[in-house]
Amino acid sequence: MKVLLIAELANPETVSVPLEGWSHAMAIRRRVDSLIITQVRHRDVFLRHGLKEPQDFIAIDSERIARPASRIGTMLRGGSGKGWTTAMAVKLPGYLYFERLLWRTLRDRLRSGEFDLVHRLT
């Protein structure tokens, strides 16, 4: 079985969703052949932990949309630890752009049936 793991947020050096994304991806990776798709801001962490690109993971660069959306979300939420719903709503366009780039990158591999399962972790 070959599994495509979508973990836009995956980083063992942080907490919350990125740590969960990393932990789940690594647990699944130990059991089945898999490819992890993550956001480019996590590339260095993946490399430091011994993963190889593009064999083990692919980093998608959606920062063109994600970075400004994150800044706007931080501004609108009224400070750290507040306004989580607002922050997440503003980040949605960045995630949709990430998925669009993911599709562009892997379209042929997905259409060919290379992956038996596509699992969105984060």
PDB file of N, CA and C in Angstrom:
ATOM      1  N   MET A   1       0.845  -1.180   0.000  1.00  0.00           N
ATOM      2  CA  MET A   1       0.000   0.000   0.000  1.00  0.00           C
ATOM      3  C   MET A   1       0.891   1.244   0.000  1.00  0.00           C
ATOM      4  N   LYS A   2       0.542   2.213  -0.821  1.00  0.00           N
ATOM      5  CA  LYS A   2       1.261   3.491  -0.851  1.00  0.00           C
ATOM      6  C   LYS A   2       0.269   4.590  -0.471  1.00  0.00           C
ATOM      7  N   VAL A   3       0.657   5.404   0.486  1.00  0.00           N
ATOM      8  CA  VAL A   3      -0.230   6.433   1.031  1.00  0.00           C
ATOM      9  C   VAL A   3       0.372   7.813   0.813  1.00  0.00           C
ATOM     10  N   LEU A   4      -0.458   8.731   0.360  1.00  0.00           N
ATOM     11  CA  LEU A   4      -0.082  10.132   0.266  1.00  0.00           C
ATOM     12  C   LEU A   4      -0.603  10.814   1.524  1.00  0.00           C
ATOM     13  N   LEU A   5       0.308  11.366   2.326  1.00  0.00           N
ATOM     14  CA  LEU A   5      -0.035  12.032   3.576  1.00  0.00           C
ATOM     15  C   LEU A   5       0.066  13.539   3.394  1.00  0.00           C
ATOM     16  N   ILE A   6      -1.049  14.220   3.507  1.00  0.00           N
ATOM     17  CA  ILE A   6      -1.062  15.676   3.369  1.00  0.00           C
ATOM     18  C   ILE A   6      -0.998  16.271   4.771  1.00  0.00           C
ATOM     19  N   ALA A   7       0.138  16.875   5.075  1.00  0.00           N
ATOM     20  CA  ALA A   7       0.345  17.486   6.387  1.00  0.00           C
ATOM     21  C   ALA A   7       0.950  18.863   6.170  1.00  0.00           C
ATOM     22  N   GLU A   8       0.099  19.790   5.770  1.00  0.00           N
ATOM     23  CA  GLU A   8       0.589  21.153   5.531  1.00  0.00           C
ATOM     24  C   GLU A   8       1.352  21.635   6.758  1.00  0.00           C
ATOM     25  N   LEU A   9       0.819  21.354   7.920  1.00  0.00           N
ATOM     26  CA  LEU A   9       1.488  21.700   9.173  1.00  0.00           C
ATOM     27  C   LEU A   9       2.097  20.426   9.747  1.00  0.00           C
ATOM     28  N   ALA A  10       3.415  20.353   9.786  1.00  0.00           N
ATOM     29  CA  ALA A  10       4.097  19.167  10.325  1.00  0.00           C
ATOM     30  C   ALA A  10       5.481  19.582  10.796  1.00  0.00           C
ATOM     31  N   ASN A  11       5.647  19.643  12.119  1.00  0.00           N
ATOM     32  CA  ASN A  11       6.915  20.115  12.648  1.00  0.00           C
ATOM     33  C   ASN A  11       7.079  19.621  14.095  1.00  0.00           C
ATOM     34  N   PRO A  12       8.073  18.753  14.348  1.00  0.00           N
ATOM     35  CA  PRO A  12       8.256  18.236  15.699  1.00  0.00           C
ATOM     36  C   PRO A  12       8.875  19.231  16.660  1.00  0.00           C
ATOM     37  N   GLU A  13       9.296  20.368  16.151  1.00  0.00           N
ATOM     38  CA  GLU A  13       9.961  21.364  16.984  1.00  0.00           C
ATOM     39  C   GLU A  13       9.001  22.444  17.466  1.00  0.00           C
ATOM     40  N   THR A  14       7.704  22.245  17.227  1.00  0.00           N
ATOM     41  CA  THR A  14       6.692  23.185  17.692  1.00  0.00           C
ATOM     42  C   THR A  14       5.655  22.417  18.497  1.00  0.00           C
ATOM     43  N   VAL A  15       4.541  23.039  18.764  1.00  0.00           N
ATOM     44  CA  VAL A  15       3.466  22.407  19.528  1.00  0.00           C
ATOM     45  C   VAL A  15       2.173  22.463  18.711  1.00  0.00           C
ATOM     46  N   SER A  16       1.137  21.900  19.259  1.00  0.00           N
ATOM     47  CA  SER A  16      -0.201  21.960  18.714  1.00  0.00           C
ATOM     48  C   SER A  16      -0.306  21.219  17.376  1.00  0.00           C
ATOM     49  N   VAL A  17      -1.001  21.792  16.423  1.00  0.00           N
ATOM     50  CA  VAL A  17      -1.295  21.104  15.156  1.00  0.00           C
ATOM     51  C   VAL A  17      -0.030  20.683  14.404  1.00  0.00           C
ATOM     52  N   PRO A  18       1.003  21.519  14.293  1.00  0.00           N
ATOM     53  CA  PRO A  18       2.199  21.049  13.587  1.00  0.00           C
ATOM     54  C   PRO A  18       2.839  19.812  14.230  1.00  0.00           C
ATOM     55  N   LEU A  19       2.856  19.749  15.546  1.00  0.00           N
ATOM     56  CA  LEU A  19       3.399  18.579  16.229  1.00  0.00           C
ATOM     57  C   LEU A  19       2.518  17.353  15.983  1.00  0.00           C
ATOM     58  N   GLU A  20       1.213  17.534  16.020  1.00  0.00           N
ATOM     59  CA  GLU A  20       0.287  16.433  15.727  1.00  0.00           C
ATOM     60  C   GLU A  20       0.480  15.941  14.291  1.00  0.00           C
ATOM     61  N   GLY A  21       0.576  16.869  13.350  1.00  0.00           N
ATOM     62  CA  GLY A  21       0.784  16.487  11.953  1.00  0.00           C
ATOM     63  C   GLY A  21       2.045  15.663  11.784  1.00  0.00           C
ATOM     64  N   TRP A  22       3.129  16.112  12.398  1.00  0.00           N
ATOM     65  CA  TRP A  22       4.404  15.394  12.336  1.00  0.00           C
ATOM     66  C   TRP A  22       4.272  14.006  12.969  1.00  0.00           C
ATOM     67  N   SER A  23       3.713  13.960  14.171  1.00  0.00           N
ATOM     68  CA  SER A  23       3.620  12.701  14.908  1.00  0.00           C
ATOM     69  C   SER A  23       2.796  11.663  14.150  1.00  0.00           C
ATOM     70  N   HIS A  24       1.669  12.073  13.623  1.00  0.00           N
ATOM     71  CA  HIS A  24       0.826  11.136  12.870  1.00  0.00           C
ATOM     72  C   HIS A  24       1.504  10.695  11.580  1.00  0.00           C
ATOM     73  N   ALA A  25       2.119  11.628  10.878  1.00  0.00           N
ATOM     74  CA  ALA A  25       2.809  11.277   9.624  1.00  0.00           C
ATOM     75  C   ALA A  25       3.930  10.276   9.885  1.00  0.00           C
ATOM     76  N   MET A  26       4.716  10.502  10.928  1.00  0.00           N
ATOM     77  CA  MET A  26       5.821   9.595  11.221  1.00  0.00           C
ATOM     78  C   MET A  26       5.312   8.215  11.660  1.00  0.00           C
ATOM     79  N   ALA A  27       4.231   8.177  12.420  1.00  0.00           N
ATOM     80  CA  ALA A  27       3.670   6.891  12.858  1.00  0.00           C
ATOM     81  C   ALA A  27       3.166   6.088  11.654  1.00  0.00           C
ATOM     82  N   ILE A  28       2.472   6.744  10.756  1.00  0.00           N
ATOM     83  CA  ILE A  28       1.966   6.057   9.560  1.00  0.00           C
ATOM     84  C   ILE A  28       3.126   5.631   8.683  1.00  0.00           C
ATOM     85  N   ARG A  29       4.114   6.493   8.550  1.00  0.00           N
ATOM     86  CA  ARG A  29       5.290   6.220   7.715  1.00  0.00           C
ATOM     87  C   ARG A  29       6.032   4.964   8.171  1.00  0.00           C
ATOM     88  N   ARG A  30       6.023   4.687   9.470  1.00  0.00           N
ATOM     89  CA  ARG A  30       6.692   3.490   9.987  1.00  0.00           C
ATOM     90  C   ARG A  30       5.966   2.209   9.568  1.00  0.00           C
ATOM     91  N   ARG A  31       4.704   2.324   9.208  1.00  0.00           N
ATOM     92  CA  ARG A  31       3.903   1.136   8.897  1.00  0.00           C
ATOM     93  C   ARG A  31       3.691   0.905   7.399  1.00  0.00           C
ATOM     94  N   VAL A  32       3.631   1.970   6.610  1.00  0.00           N
ATOM     95  CA  VAL A  32       3.348   1.816   5.181  1.00  0.00           C
ATOM     96  C   VAL A  32       4.245   2.726   4.356  1.00  0.00           C
ATOM     97  N   ASP A  33       4.412   2.381   3.104  1.00  0.00           N
ATOM     98  CA  ASP A  33       5.127   3.222   2.155  1.00  0.00           C
ATOM     99  C   ASP A  33       4.313   4.495   1.979  1.00  0.00           C
ATOM    100  N   SER A  34       4.935   5.632   2.197  1.00  0.00           N
ATOM    101  CA  SER A  34       4.169   6.876   2.133  1.00  0.00           C
ATOM    102  C   SER A  34       5.029   8.024   1.625  1.00  0.00           C
ATOM    103  N   LEU A  35       4.331   9.036   1.170  1.00  0.00           N
ATOM    104  CA  LEU A  35       4.943  10.293   0.754  1.00  0.00           C
ATOM    105  C   LEU A  35       4.217  11.395   1.512  1.00  0.00           C
ATOM    106  N   ILE A  36       4.976  12.251   2.190  1.00  0.00           N
ATOM    107  CA  ILE A  36       4.388  13.348   2.969  1.00  0.00           C
ATOM    108  C   ILE A  36       4.473  14.624   2.149  1.00  0.00           C
ATOM    109  N   ILE A  37       3.372  15.339   2.111  1.00  0.00           N
ATOM    110  CA  ILE A  37       3.332  16.650   1.471  1.00  0.00           C
ATOM    111  C   ILE A  37       3.175  17.671   2.588  1.00  0.00           C
ATOM    112  N   THR A  38       4.084  18.634   2.629  1.00  0.00           N
ATOM    113  CA  THR A  38       4.043  19.641   3.684  1.00  0.00           C
ATOM    114  C   THR A  38       4.313  21.018   3.083  1.00  0.00           C
ATOM    115  N   GLN A  39       4.230  22.019   3.900  1.00  0.00           N
ATOM    116  CA  GLN A  39       4.471  23.394   3.479  1.00  0.00           C
ATOM    117  C   GLN A  39       5.982  23.658   3.503  1.00  0.00           C
ATOM    118  N   VAL A  40       6.441  24.477   2.615  1.00  0.00           N
ATOM    119  CA  VAL A  40       7.877  24.724   2.454  1.00  0.00           C
ATOM    120  C   VAL A  40       8.548  25.229   3.731  1.00  0.00           C
ATOM    121  N   ARG A  41       7.806  25.875   4.598  1.00  0.00           N
ATOM    122  CA  ARG A  41       8.427  26.398   5.822  1.00  0.00           C
ATOM    123  C   ARG A  41       8.903  25.276   6.749  1.00  0.00           C
ATOM    124  N   HIS A  42       8.486  24.026   6.471  1.00  0.00           N
ATOM    125  CA  HIS A  42       8.905  22.884   7.285  1.00  0.00           C
ATOM    126  C   HIS A  42      10.033  22.074   6.648  1.00  0.00           C
ATOM    127  N   ARG A  43      10.473  22.462   5.469  1.00  0.00           N
ATOM    128  CA  ARG A  43      11.487  21.688   4.731  1.00  0.00           C
ATOM    129  C   ARG A  43      12.752  21.437   5.555  1.00  0.00           C
ATOM    130  N   ASP A  44      13.317  22.478   6.141  1.00  0.00           N
ATOM    131  CA  ASP A  44      14.573  22.328   6.887  1.00  0.00           C
ATOM    132  C   ASP A  44      14.440  21.351   8.055  1.00  0.00           C
ATOM    133  N   VAL A  45      13.297  21.373   8.719  1.00  0.00           N
ATOM    134  CA  VAL A  45      13.063  20.454   9.835  1.00  0.00           C
ATOM    135  C   VAL A  45      13.043  19.012   9.326  1.00  0.00           C
ATOM    136  N   PHE A  46      12.345  18.780   8.234  1.00  0.00           N
ATOM    137  CA  PHE A  46      12.289  17.432   7.659  1.00  0.00           C
ATOM    138  C   PHE A  46      13.695  16.955   7.309  1.00  0.00           C
ATOM    139  N   LEU A  47      14.483  17.822   6.700  1.00  0.00           N
ATOM    140  CA  LEU A  47      15.846  17.452   6.319  1.00  0.00           C
ATOM    141  C   LEU A  47      16.706  17.176   7.548  1.00  0.00           C
ATOM    142  N   ARG A  48      16.561  18.004   8.586  1.00  0.00           N
ATOM    143  CA  ARG A  48      17.325  17.790   9.826  1.00  0.00           C
ATOM    144  C   ARG A  48      16.997  16.452  10.478  1.00  0.00           C
ATOM    145  N   HIS A  49      15.791  15.981  10.266  1.00  0.00           N
ATOM    146  CA  HIS A  49      15.354  14.720  10.865  1.00  0.00           C
ATOM    147  C   HIS A  49      15.587  13.528   9.937  1.00  0.00           C
ATOM    148  N   GLY A  50      16.390  13.748   8.912  1.00  0.00           N
ATOM    149  CA  GLY A  50      16.831  12.641   8.079  1.00  0.00           C
ATOM    150  C   GLY A  50      15.930  12.255   6.921  1.00  0.00           C
ATOM    151  N   LEU A  51      14.872  12.996   6.675  1.00  0.00           N
ATOM    152  CA  LEU A  51      14.021  12.679   5.540  1.00  0.00           C
ATOM    153  C   LEU A  51      14.619  13.281   4.277  1.00  0.00           C
ATOM    154  N   LYS A  52      14.364  12.628   3.173  1.00  0.00           N
ATOM    155  CA  LYS A  52      14.922  13.069   1.889  1.00  0.00           C
ATOM    156  C   LYS A  52      13.804  13.540   0.973  1.00  0.00           C
ATOM    157  N   GLU A  53      14.082  14.649   0.301  1.00  0.00           N
ATOM    158  CA  GLU A  53      13.133  15.190  -0.678  1.00  0.00           C
ATOM    159  C   GLU A  53      13.651  14.842  -2.069  1.00  0.00           C
ATOM    160  N   PRO A  54      12.876  14.324  -2.951  1.00  0.00           N
ATOM    161  CA  PRO A  54      11.435  14.084  -2.948  1.00  0.00           C
ATOM    162  C   PRO A  54      11.032  12.658  -2.593  1.00  0.00           C
ATOM    163  N   GLN A  55      11.949  11.810  -2.147  1.00  0.00           N
ATOM    164  CA  GLN A  55      11.606  10.419  -1.847  1.00  0.00           C
ATOM    165  C   GLN A  55      10.655  10.289  -0.663  1.00  0.00           C
ATOM    166  N   ASP A  56      10.927  11.009   0.428  1.00  0.00           N
ATOM    167  CA  ASP A  56      10.134  10.890   1.652  1.00  0.00           C
ATOM    168  C   ASP A  56       9.078  11.982   1.788  1.00  0.00           C
ATOM    169  N   PHE A  57       9.381  13.140   1.254  1.00  0.00           N
ATOM    170  CA  PHE A  57       8.449  14.267   1.380  1.00  0.00           C
ATOM    171  C   PHE A  57       8.635  15.234   0.219  1.00  0.00           C
ATOM    172  N   ILE A  58       7.614  16.039   0.017  1.00  0.00           N
ATOM    173  CA  ILE A  58       7.675  17.147  -0.939  1.00  0.00           C
ATOM    174  C   ILE A  58       7.183  18.380  -0.203  1.00  0.00           C
ATOM    175  N   ALA A  59       7.951  19.459  -0.297  1.00  0.00           N
ATOM    176  CA  ALA A  59       7.569  20.723   0.340  1.00  0.00           C
ATOM    177  C   ALA A  59       6.957  21.637  -0.722  1.00  0.00           C
ATOM    178  N   ILE A  60       5.747  22.079  -0.471  1.00  0.00           N
ATOM    179  CA  ILE A  60       5.004  22.945  -1.389  1.00  0.00           C
ATOM    180  C   ILE A  60       5.141  24.391  -0.918  1.00  0.00           C
ATOM    181  N   ASP A  61       5.524  25.263  -1.820  1.00  0.00           N
ATOM    182  CA  ASP A  61       5.705  26.678  -1.461  1.00  0.00           C
ATOM    183  C   ASP A  61       4.449  27.484  -1.777  1.00  0.00           C
ATOM    184  N   SER A  62       3.613  27.643  -0.768  1.00  0.00           N
ATOM    185  CA  SER A  62       2.396  28.440  -0.908  1.00  0.00           C
ATOM    186  C   SER A  62       2.511  29.767  -0.153  1.00  0.00           C
ATOM    187  N   GLU A  63       3.730  30.146   0.168  1.00  0.00           N
ATOM    188  CA  GLU A  63       3.960  31.351   0.975  1.00  0.00           C
ATOM    189  C   GLU A  63       3.452  32.631   0.314  1.00  0.00           C
ATOM    190  N   ARG A  64       3.347  32.636  -0.999  1.00  0.00           N
ATOM    191  CA  ARG A  64       2.857  33.836  -1.702  1.00  0.00           C
ATOM    192  C   ARG A  64       1.496  34.268  -1.158  1.00  0.00           C
ATOM    193  N   ILE A  65       0.677  33.301  -0.800  1.00  0.00           N
ATOM    194  CA  ILE A  65      -0.649  33.593  -0.239  1.00  0.00           C
ATOM    195  C   ILE A  65      -0.654  33.383   1.279  1.00  0.00           C
ATOM    196  N   ALA A  66       0.012  32.335   1.738  1.00  0.00           N
ATOM    197  CA  ALA A  66      -0.041  31.969   3.162  1.00  0.00           C
ATOM    198  C   ALA A  66       0.565  33.027   4.073  1.00  0.00           C
ATOM    199  N   ARG A  67       1.698  33.583   3.696  1.00  0.00           N
ATOM    200  CA  ARG A  67       2.372  34.557   4.563  1.00  0.00           C
ATOM    201  C   ARG A  67       1.528  35.813   4.786  1.00  0.00           C
ATOM    202  N   PRO A  68       1.027  36.467   3.709  1.00  0.00           N
ATOM    203  CA  PRO A  68       0.198  37.656   3.963  1.00  0.00           C
ATOM    204  C   PRO A  68      -1.091  37.321   4.715  1.00  0.00           C
ATOM    205  N   ALA A  69      -1.693  36.160   4.436  1.00  0.00           N
ATOM    206  CA  ALA A  69      -2.918  35.774   5.140  1.00  0.00           C
ATOM    207  C   ALA A  69      -2.637  35.603   6.628  1.00  0.00           C
ATOM    208  N   SER A  70      -1.502  35.010   6.954  1.00  0.00           N
ATOM    209  CA  SER A  70      -1.137  34.821   8.355  1.00  0.00           C
ATOM    210  C   SER A  70      -0.940  36.161   9.056  1.00  0.00           C
ATOM    211  N   ARG A  71      -0.286  37.094   8.374  1.00  0.00           N
ATOM    212  CA  ARG A  71      -0.081  38.432   8.964  1.00  0.00           C
ATOM    213  C   ARG A  71      -1.412  39.130   9.211  1.00  0.00           C
ATOM    214  N   ILE A  72      -2.321  39.031   8.258  1.00  0.00           N
ATOM    215  CA  ILE A  72      -3.639  39.666   8.418  1.00  0.00           C
ATOM    216  C   ILE A  72      -4.389  39.012   9.574  1.00  0.00           C
ATOM    217  N   GLY A  73      -4.324  37.679   9.653  1.00  0.00           N
ATOM    218  CA  GLY A  73      -4.989  36.961  10.741  1.00  0.00           C
ATOM    219  C   GLY A  73      -4.466  37.377  12.099  1.00  0.00           C
ATOM    220  N   THR A  74      -3.147  37.519  12.202  1.00  0.00           N
ATOM    221  CA  THR A  74      -2.540  37.942  13.463  1.00  0.00           C
ATOM    222  C   THR A  74      -3.023  39.341  13.843  1.00  0.00           C
ATOM    223  N   MET A  75      -3.109  40.226  12.868  1.00  0.00           N
ATOM    224  CA  MET A  75      -3.547  41.597  13.116  1.00  0.00           C
ATOM    225  C   MET A  75      -5.021  41.635  13.559  1.00  0.00           C
ATOM    226  N   LEU A  76      -5.870  40.847  12.885  1.00  0.00           N
ATOM    227  CA  LEU A  76      -7.304  40.886  13.176  1.00  0.00           C
ATOM    228  C   LEU A  76      -7.690  40.189  14.470  1.00  0.00           C
ATOM    229  N   ARG A  77      -6.890  39.240  14.909  1.00  0.00           N
ATOM    230  CA  ARG A  77      -7.286  38.442  16.063  1.00  0.00           C
ATOM    231  C   ARG A  77      -7.125  39.184  17.385  1.00  0.00           C
ATOM    232  N   GLY A  78      -6.410  40.299  17.401  1.00  0.00           N
ATOM    233  CA  GLY A  78      -6.319  41.110  18.607  1.00  0.00           C
ATOM    234  C   GLY A  78      -5.282  40.644  19.597  1.00  0.00           C
ATOM    235  N   GLY A  79      -4.280  39.935  19.173  1.00  0.00           N
ATOM    236  CA  GLY A  79      -3.203  39.519  20.063  1.00  0.00           C
ATOM    237  C   GLY A  79      -3.043  38.024  20.135  1.00  0.00           C
ATOM    238  N   SER A  80      -1.955  37.624  20.705  1.00  0.00           N
ATOM    239  CA  SER A  80      -1.620  36.211  20.834  1.00  0.00           C
ATOM    240  C   SER A  80      -2.629  35.491  21.729  1.00  0.00           C
ATOM    241  N   GLY A  81      -3.044  34.311  21.294  1.00  0.00           N
ATOM    242  CA  GLY A  81      -3.958  33.516  22.097  1.00  0.00           C
ATOM    243  C   GLY A  81      -5.415  33.938  22.007  1.00  0.00           C
ATOM    244  N   LYS A  82      -5.733  34.817  21.098  1.00  0.00           N
ATOM    245  CA  LYS A  82      -7.106  35.305  20.949  1.00  0.00           C
ATOM    246  C   LYS A  82      -7.569  35.094  19.513  1.00  0.00           C
ATOM    247  N   GLY A  83      -8.868  35.127  19.315  1.00  0.00           N
ATOM    248  CA  GLY A  83      -9.451  35.161  17.981  1.00  0.00           C
ATOM    249  C   GLY A  83      -9.063  34.007  17.068  1.00  0.00           C
ATOM    250  N   TRP A  84      -9.066  32.779  17.606  1.00  0.00           N
ATOM    251  CA  TRP A  84      -8.640  31.625  16.800  1.00  0.00           C
ATOM    252  C   TRP A  84      -9.526  31.424  15.576  1.00  0.00           C
ATOM    253  N   THR A  85     -10.821  31.636  15.716  1.00  0.00           N
ATOM    254  CA  THR A  85     -11.727  31.452  14.581  1.00  0.00           C
ATOM    255  C   THR A  85     -11.409  32.453  13.480  1.00  0.00           C
ATOM    256  N   THR A  86     -11.162  33.684  13.858  1.00  0.00           N
ATOM    257  CA  THR A  86     -10.799  34.709  12.881  1.00  0.00           C
ATOM    258  C   THR A  86      -9.490  34.354  12.199  1.00  0.00           C
ATOM    259  N   ALA A  87      -8.507  33.964  12.972  1.00  0.00           N
ATOM    260  CA  ALA A  87      -7.202  33.615  12.407  1.00  0.00           C
ATOM    261  C   ALA A  87      -7.331  32.471  11.405  1.00  0.00           C
ATOM    262  N   MET A  88      -8.101  31.437  11.756  1.00  0.00           N
ATOM    263  CA  MET A  88      -8.250  30.280  10.867  1.00  0.00           C
ATOM    264  C   MET A  88      -9.014  30.669   9.603  1.00  0.00           C
ATOM    265  N   ALA A  89     -10.032  31.497   9.735  1.00  0.00           N
ATOM    266  CA  ALA A  89     -10.816  31.909   8.568  1.00  0.00           C
ATOM    267  C   ALA A  89      -9.947  32.673   7.575  1.00  0.00           C
ATOM    268  N   VAL A  90      -9.076  33.522   8.086  1.00  0.00           N
ATOM    269  CA  VAL A  90      -8.217  34.324   7.211  1.00  0.00           C
ATOM    270  C   VAL A  90      -7.149  33.454   6.553  1.00  0.00           C
ATOM    271  N   LYS A  91      -6.740  32.381   7.212  1.00  0.00           N
ATOM    272  CA  LYS A  91      -5.719  31.491   6.655  1.00  0.00           C
ATOM    273  C   LYS A  91      -6.260  30.533   5.595  1.00  0.00           C
ATOM    274  N   LEU A  92      -7.582  30.429   5.466  1.00  0.00           N
ATOM    275  CA  LEU A  92      -8.173  29.490   4.518  1.00  0.00           C
ATOM    276  C   LEU A  92      -7.682  29.688   3.078  1.00  0.00           C
ATOM    277  N   PRO A  93      -7.608  30.907   2.552  1.00  0.00           N
ATOM    278  CA  PRO A  93      -7.114  31.054   1.169  1.00  0.00           C
ATOM    279  C   PRO A  93      -5.703  30.482   0.978  1.00  0.00           C
ATOM    280  N   GLY A  94      -4.854  30.627   1.977  1.00  0.00           N
ATOM    281  CA  GLY A  94      -3.505  30.075   1.889  1.00  0.00           C
ATOM    282  C   GLY A  94      -3.520  28.563   1.812  1.00  0.00           C
ATOM    283  N   TYR A  95      -4.434  27.936   2.577  1.00  0.00           N
ATOM    284  CA  TYR A  95      -4.527  26.480   2.530  1.00  0.00           C
ATOM    285  C   TYR A  95      -5.087  26.015   1.188  1.00  0.00           C
ATOM    286  N   LEU A  96      -6.071  26.713   0.683  1.00  0.00           N
ATOM    287  CA  LEU A  96      -6.635  26.337  -0.621  1.00  0.00           C
ATOM    288  C   LEU A  96      -5.585  26.474  -1.725  1.00  0.00           C
ATOM    289  N   TYR A  97      -4.768  27.486  -1.623  1.00  0.00           N
ATOM    290  CA  TYR A  97      -3.670  27.653  -2.584  1.00  0.00           C
ATOM    291  C   TYR A  97      -2.666  26.503  -2.454  1.00  0.00           C
ATOM    292  N   PHE A  98      -2.365  26.103  -1.226  1.00  0.00           N
ATOM    293  CA  PHE A  98      -1.492  24.956  -0.976  1.00  0.00           C
ATOM    294  C   PHE A  98      -2.045  23.716  -1.680  1.00  0.00           C
ATOM    295  N   GLU A  99      -3.344  23.461  -1.520  1.00  0.00           N
ATOM    296  CA  GLU A  99      -3.962  22.292  -2.157  1.00  0.00           C
ATOM    297  C   GLU A  99      -3.913  22.401  -3.687  1.00  0.00           C
ATOM    298  N   ARG A 100      -4.102  23.584  -4.193  1.00  0.00           N
ATOM    299  CA  ARG A 100      -4.026  23.764  -5.653  1.00  0.00           C
ATOM    300  C   ARG A 100      -2.616  23.435  -6.160  1.00  0.00           C
ATOM    301  N   LEU A 101      -1.599  23.923  -5.454  1.00  0.00           N
ATOM    302  CA  LEU A 101      -0.220  23.630  -5.849  1.00  0.00           C
ATOM    303  C   LEU A 101       0.099  22.146  -5.678  1.00  0.00           C
ATOM    304  N   LEU A 102      -0.442  21.546  -4.643  1.00  0.00           N
ATOM    305  CA  LEU A 102      -0.268  20.108  -4.431  1.00  0.00           C
ATOM    306  C   LEU A 102      -0.829  19.342  -5.632  1.00  0.00           C
ATOM    307  N   TRP A 103      -2.029  19.699  -6.062  1.00  0.00           N
ATOM    308  CA  TRP A 103      -2.647  19.040  -7.217  1.00  0.00           C
ATOM    309  C   TRP A 103      -1.785  19.226  -8.458  1.00  0.00           C
ATOM    310  N   ARG A 104      -1.315  20.432  -8.689  1.00  0.00           N
ATOM    311  CA  ARG A 104      -0.443  20.672  -9.858  1.00  0.00           C
ATOM    312  C   ARG A 104       0.809  19.800  -9.813  1.00  0.00           C
ATOM    313  N   THR A 105       1.383  19.674  -8.630  1.00  0.00           N
ATOM    314  CA  THR A 105       2.625  18.923  -8.452  1.00  0.00           C
ATOM    315  C   THR A 105       2.419  17.418  -8.645  1.00  0.00           C
ATOM    316  N   LEU A 106       1.302  16.904  -8.142  1.00  0.00           N
ATOM    317  CA  LEU A 106       1.105  15.451  -8.117  1.00  0.00           C
ATOM    318  C   LEU A 106      -0.010  14.946  -9.025  1.00  0.00           C
ATOM    319  N   ARG A 107      -0.573  15.798  -9.841  1.00  0.00           N
ATOM    320  CA  ARG A 107      -1.711  15.428 -10.692  1.00  0.00           C
ATOM    321  C   ARG A 107      -1.473  14.121 -11.449  1.00  0.00           C
ATOM    322  N   ASP A 108      -0.361  14.016 -12.154  1.00  0.00           N
ATOM    323  CA  ASP A 108      -0.105  12.825 -12.965  1.00  0.00           C
ATOM    324  C   ASP A 108       0.037  11.581 -12.098  1.00  0.00           C
ATOM    325  N   ARG A 109       0.702  11.713 -10.973  1.00  0.00           N
ATOM    326  CA  ARG A 109       0.892  10.571 -10.073  1.00  0.00           C
ATOM    327  C   ARG A 109      -0.429  10.133  -9.449  1.00  0.00           C
ATOM    328  N   LEU A 110      -1.286  11.095  -9.121  1.00  0.00           N
ATOM    329  CA  LEU A 110      -2.599  10.769  -8.562  1.00  0.00           C
ATOM    330  C   LEU A 110      -3.482  10.105  -9.620  1.00  0.00           C
ATOM    331  N   ARG A 111      -3.507  10.660 -10.796  1.00  0.00           N
ATOM    332  CA  ARG A 111      -4.325  10.089 -11.871  1.00  0.00           C
ATOM    333  C   ARG A 111      -3.865   8.699 -12.290  1.00  0.00           C
ATOM    334  N   SER A 112      -2.580   8.438 -12.181  1.00  0.00           N
ATOM    335  CA  SER A 112      -2.054   7.127 -12.579  1.00  0.00           C
ATOM    336  C   SER A 112      -2.364   6.037 -11.554  1.00  0.00           C
ATOM    337  N   GLY A 113      -2.861   6.436 -10.383  1.00  0.00           N
ATOM    338  CA  GLY A 113      -3.197   5.458  -9.352  1.00  0.00           C
ATOM    339  C   GLY A 113      -2.017   5.039  -8.494  1.00  0.00           C
ATOM    340  N   GLU A 114      -0.968   5.849  -8.481  1.00  0.00           N
ATOM    341  CA  GLU A 114       0.215   5.511  -7.680  1.00  0.00           C
ATOM    342  C   GLU A 114      -0.108   5.355  -6.195  1.00  0.00           C
ATOM    343  N   PHE A 115      -1.064   6.132  -5.708  1.00  0.00           N
ATOM    344  CA  PHE A 115      -1.401   6.107  -4.290  1.00  0.00           C
ATOM    345  C   PHE A 115      -2.699   5.336  -4.061  1.00  0.00           C
ATOM    346  N   ASP A 116      -2.658   4.449  -3.090  1.00  0.00           N
ATOM    347  CA  ASP A 116      -3.853   3.677  -2.739  1.00  0.00           C
ATOM    348  C   ASP A 116      -4.771   4.481  -1.827  1.00  0.00           C
ATOM    349  N   LEU A 117      -4.197   5.430  -1.141  1.00  0.00           N
ATOM    350  CA  LEU A 117      -4.965   6.216  -0.175  1.00  0.00           C
ATOM    351  C   LEU A 117      -4.348   7.609  -0.088  1.00  0.00           C
ATOM    352  N   VAL A 118      -5.210   8.613  -0.024  1.00  0.00           N
ATOM    353  CA  VAL A 118      -4.788   9.989   0.232  1.00  0.00           C
ATOM    354  C   VAL A 118      -5.395  10.363   1.579  1.00  0.00           C
ATOM    355  N   HIS A 119      -4.522  10.740   2.523  1.00  0.00           N
ATOM    356  CA  HIS A 119      -4.977  11.028   3.881  1.00  0.00           C
ATOM    357  C   HIS A 119      -4.541  12.437   4.273  1.00  0.00           C
ATOM    358  N   ARG A 120      -5.508  13.291   4.526  1.00  0.00           N
ATOM    359  CA  ARG A 120      -5.227  14.664   4.952  1.00  0.00           C
ATOM    360  C   ARG A 120      -5.128  14.681   6.476  1.00  0.00           C
ATOM    361  N   LEU A 121      -3.914  14.930   6.958  1.00  0.00           N
ATOM    362  CA  LEU A 121      -3.664  14.941   8.404  1.00  0.00           C
ATOM    363  C   LEU A 121      -3.929  16.314   9.013  1.00  0.00           C
ATOM    364  N   THR A 122      -3.493  17.360   8.336  1.00  0.00           N
ATOM    365  CA  THR A 122      -3.716  18.720   8.862  1.00  0.00           C
ATOM    366  C   THR A 122      -4.216  19.602   7.739  1.00  0.00           C
TER     367      THR A 122
END
